[in-house]
Amino acid sequence: MPFIEGESLRARLARDRQLSIEDALRITRQVADALAYAHSLRVVHRDVKPENILLAGGHALVADFGIARAVSAAGERFTGTGLAIGTPADRFATTFEQVVAGLD
């Protein structure tokens, strides 16, 4: 993975406490585009959270596809109903992504 000069969304929120509406919408669109591309390749991130969104050069980048790679390497036997994968504190975001992607 290349080095990305910038900061995570978590660091930005800790520093600024609140994003402008324009920044929030821009970041949301860019993250949605990145996830849509991953989903088109049948890859579900499964751990989307502010720490895994990097902000650099005016762009939001989705990072840390480690769980998605682990699930892919393990095959179908690794996914299933009731199996929790990802960061426990961010279960809603992960579950939402899986539902929207239609890839469980």
C-alpha atoms as a PDB file:
ATOM      1  CA  MET A   1       0.000   0.000   0.000  1.00  0.00           C
ATOM      2  CA  PRO A   2       1.418   3.404  -0.900  1.00  0.00           C
ATOM      3  CA  PHE A   3       2.011   6.060   1.726  1.00  0.00           C
ATOM      4  CA  ILE A   4      -0.811   8.618   1.729  1.00  0.00           C
ATOM      5  CA  GLU A   5       0.105  12.125   2.869  1.00  0.00           C
ATOM      6  CA  GLY A   6      -2.910  13.425   4.757  1.00  0.00           C
ATOM      7  CA  GLU A   7      -5.075  12.461   7.694  1.00  0.00           C
ATOM      8  CA  SER A   8      -7.895  10.112   8.569  1.00  0.00           C
ATOM      9  CA  LEU A   9     -11.464  11.305   8.782  1.00  0.00           C
ATOM     10  CA  ARG A  10     -11.283  10.453  12.519  1.00  0.00           C
ATOM     11  CA  ALA A  11      -8.317  12.859  12.956  1.00  0.00           C
ATOM     12  CA  ARG A  12     -10.128  15.569  10.995  1.00  0.00           C
ATOM     13  CA  LEU A  13     -13.259  15.194  13.149  1.00  0.00           C
ATOM     14  CA  ALA A  14     -11.182  15.247  16.335  1.00  0.00           C
ATOM     15  CA  ARG A  15      -9.522  18.484  15.182  1.00  0.00           C
ATOM     16  CA  ASP A  16     -12.508  20.322  13.675  1.00  0.00           C
ATOM     17  CA  ARG A  17     -15.358  18.634  15.605  1.00  0.00           C
ATOM     18  CA  GLN A  18     -17.774  19.266  12.690  1.00  0.00           C
ATOM     19  CA  LEU A  19     -17.471  19.266   8.908  1.00  0.00           C
ATOM     20  CA  SER A  20     -19.057  21.877   6.690  1.00  0.00           C
ATOM     21  CA  ILE A  21     -22.037  20.597   4.722  1.00  0.00           C
ATOM     22  CA  GLU A  22     -19.987  20.880   1.520  1.00  0.00           C
ATOM     23  CA  ASP A  23     -17.105  18.808   2.949  1.00  0.00           C
ATOM     24  CA  ALA A  24     -19.452  16.206   4.450  1.00  0.00           C
ATOM     25  CA  LEU A  25     -21.261  15.760   1.121  1.00  0.00           C
ATOM     26  CA  ARG A  26     -18.014  15.620  -0.879  1.00  0.00           C
ATOM     27  CA  ILE A  27     -16.505  13.000   1.427  1.00  0.00           C
ATOM     28  CA  THR A  28     -19.739  10.986   1.452  1.00  0.00           C
ATOM     29  CA  ARG A  29     -19.921  10.991  -2.358  1.00  0.00           C
ATOM     30  CA  GLN A  30     -16.284   9.958  -2.725  1.00  0.00           C
ATOM     31  CA  VAL A  31     -16.571   7.151  -0.160  1.00  0.00           C
ATOM     32  CA  ALA A  32     -19.792   5.948  -1.812  1.00  0.00           C
ATOM     33  CA  ASP A  33     -18.053   5.942  -5.211  1.00  0.00           C
ATOM     34  CA  ALA A  34     -15.133   3.945  -3.804  1.00  0.00           C
ATOM     35  CA  LEU A  35     -17.448   1.404  -2.173  1.00  0.00           C
ATOM     36  CA  ALA A  36     -19.579   1.134  -5.326  1.00  0.00           C
ATOM     37  CA  TYR A  37     -16.444   0.335  -7.322  1.00  0.00           C
ATOM     38  CA  ALA A  38     -15.373  -2.293  -4.764  1.00  0.00           C
ATOM     39  CA  HIS A  39     -18.882  -3.771  -4.787  1.00  0.00           C
ATOM     40  CA  SER A  40     -18.815  -3.953  -8.602  1.00  0.00           C
ATOM     41  CA  LEU A  41     -15.837  -6.276  -8.122  1.00  0.00           C
ATOM     42  CA  ARG A  42     -17.840  -8.234  -5.504  1.00  0.00           C
ATOM     43  CA  VAL A  43     -15.634  -6.928  -2.669  1.00  0.00           C
ATOM     44  CA  VAL A  44     -17.320  -5.751   0.530  1.00  0.00           C
ATOM     45  CA  HIS A  45     -15.076  -3.687   2.821  1.00  0.00           C
ATOM     46  CA  ARG A  46     -16.808  -4.827   6.049  1.00  0.00           C
ATOM     47  CA  ASP A  47     -15.027  -2.309   8.300  1.00  0.00           C
ATOM     48  CA  VAL A  48     -15.941   1.178   7.087  1.00  0.00           C
ATOM     49  CA  LYS A  49     -15.225   3.711   9.821  1.00  0.00           C
ATOM     50  CA  PRO A  50     -13.639   7.177  10.053  1.00  0.00           C
ATOM     51  CA  GLU A  51     -10.209   5.669  10.779  1.00  0.00           C
ATOM     52  CA  ASN A  52     -10.328   3.839   7.421  1.00  0.00           C
ATOM     53  CA  ILE A  53     -11.186   6.939   5.385  1.00  0.00           C
ATOM     54  CA  LEU A  54      -8.084   8.908   4.456  1.00  0.00           C
ATOM     55  CA  LEU A  55      -8.265  12.554   3.369  1.00  0.00           C
ATOM     56  CA  ALA A  56      -5.493  13.642   1.028  1.00  0.00           C
ATOM     57  CA  GLY A  57      -5.250  16.240  -1.703  1.00  0.00           C
ATOM     58  CA  GLY A  58      -8.947  17.085  -1.510  1.00  0.00           C
ATOM     59  CA  HIS A  59      -9.973  13.440  -1.968  1.00  0.00           C
ATOM     60  CA  ALA A  60     -11.394  10.814   0.388  1.00  0.00           C
ATOM     61  CA  LEU A  61      -9.783   7.389   0.007  1.00  0.00           C
ATOM     62  CA  VAL A  62     -11.148   4.190   1.508  1.00  0.00           C
ATOM     63  CA  ALA A  63      -8.321   2.217   3.126  1.00  0.00           C
ATOM     64  CA  ASP A  64      -7.760  -1.070   4.937  1.00  0.00           C
ATOM     65  CA  PHE A  65      -9.457  -3.747   2.876  1.00  0.00           C
ATOM     66  CA  GLY A  66      -7.785  -6.342   5.136  1.00  0.00           C
ATOM     67  CA  ILE A  67     -11.044  -7.918   6.332  1.00  0.00           C
ATOM     68  CA  ALA A  68     -12.397  -8.029   2.769  1.00  0.00           C
ATOM     69  CA  ARG A  69      -9.202  -9.801   1.645  1.00  0.00           C
ATOM     70  CA  ALA A  70      -9.392 -12.257   4.544  1.00  0.00           C
ATOM     71  CA  VAL A  71     -13.027 -13.079   3.752  1.00  0.00           C
ATOM     72  CA  SER A  72     -12.213 -13.483   0.071  1.00  0.00           C
ATOM     73  CA  ALA A  73      -9.264 -15.778   0.809  1.00  0.00           C
ATOM     74  CA  ALA A  74     -11.333 -17.905   3.186  1.00  0.00           C
ATOM     75  CA  GLY A  75     -14.142 -18.299   0.646  1.00  0.00           C
ATOM     76  CA  GLU A  76     -17.829 -18.834   1.301  1.00  0.00           C
ATOM     77  CA  ARG A  77     -17.254 -20.777   4.513  1.00  0.00           C
ATOM     78  CA  PHE A  78     -16.124 -17.563   6.239  1.00  0.00           C
ATOM     79  CA  THR A  79     -19.330 -15.587   5.745  1.00  0.00           C
ATOM     80  CA  GLY A  80     -22.772 -16.386   6.989  1.00  0.00           C
ATOM     81  CA  THR A  81     -25.797 -15.267   8.905  1.00  0.00           C
ATOM     82  CA  GLY A  82     -24.937 -14.180  12.424  1.00  0.00           C
ATOM     83  CA  LEU A  83     -21.182 -13.946  11.830  1.00  0.00           C
ATOM     84  CA  ALA A  84     -19.755 -10.650  13.116  1.00  0.00           C
ATOM     85  CA  ILE A  85     -16.787  -9.257  11.200  1.00  0.00           C
ATOM     86  CA  GLY A  86     -15.216  -5.811  11.593  1.00  0.00           C
ATOM     87  CA  THR A  87     -14.971  -3.295  14.389  1.00  0.00           C
ATOM     88  CA  PRO A  88     -17.639  -3.997  17.062  1.00  0.00           C
ATOM     89  CA  ALA A  89     -18.284  -0.310  17.812  1.00  0.00           C
ATOM     90  CA  ASP A  90     -19.127   0.322  14.157  1.00  0.00           C
ATOM     91  CA  ARG A  91     -21.481  -2.599  13.519  1.00  0.00           C
ATOM     92  CA  PHE A  92     -24.216  -0.467  11.942  1.00  0.00           C
ATOM     93  CA  ALA A  93     -21.940   0.960   9.228  1.00  0.00           C
ATOM     94  CA  THR A  94     -20.579  -2.460   8.326  1.00  0.00           C
ATOM     95  CA  THR A  95     -24.001  -4.114   8.263  1.00  0.00           C
ATOM     96  CA  PHE A  96     -25.417  -1.238   6.211  1.00  0.00           C
ATOM     97  CA  GLU A  97     -22.653  -1.617   3.615  1.00  0.00           C
ATOM     98  CA  GLN A  98     -23.271  -5.340   3.316  1.00  0.00           C
ATOM     99  CA  VAL A  99     -27.014  -4.832   2.860  1.00  0.00           C
ATOM    100  CA  VAL A 100     -26.634  -2.070   0.281  1.00  0.00           C
ATOM    101  CA  ALA A 101     -23.990  -4.062  -1.627  1.00  0.00           C
ATOM    102  CA  GLY A 102     -26.230  -7.109  -1.708  1.00  0.00           C
ATOM    103  CA  LEU A 103     -23.153  -9.212  -1.017  1.00  0.00           C
ATOM    104  CA  ASP A 104     -23.386 -11.177   2.212  1.00  0.00           C
END
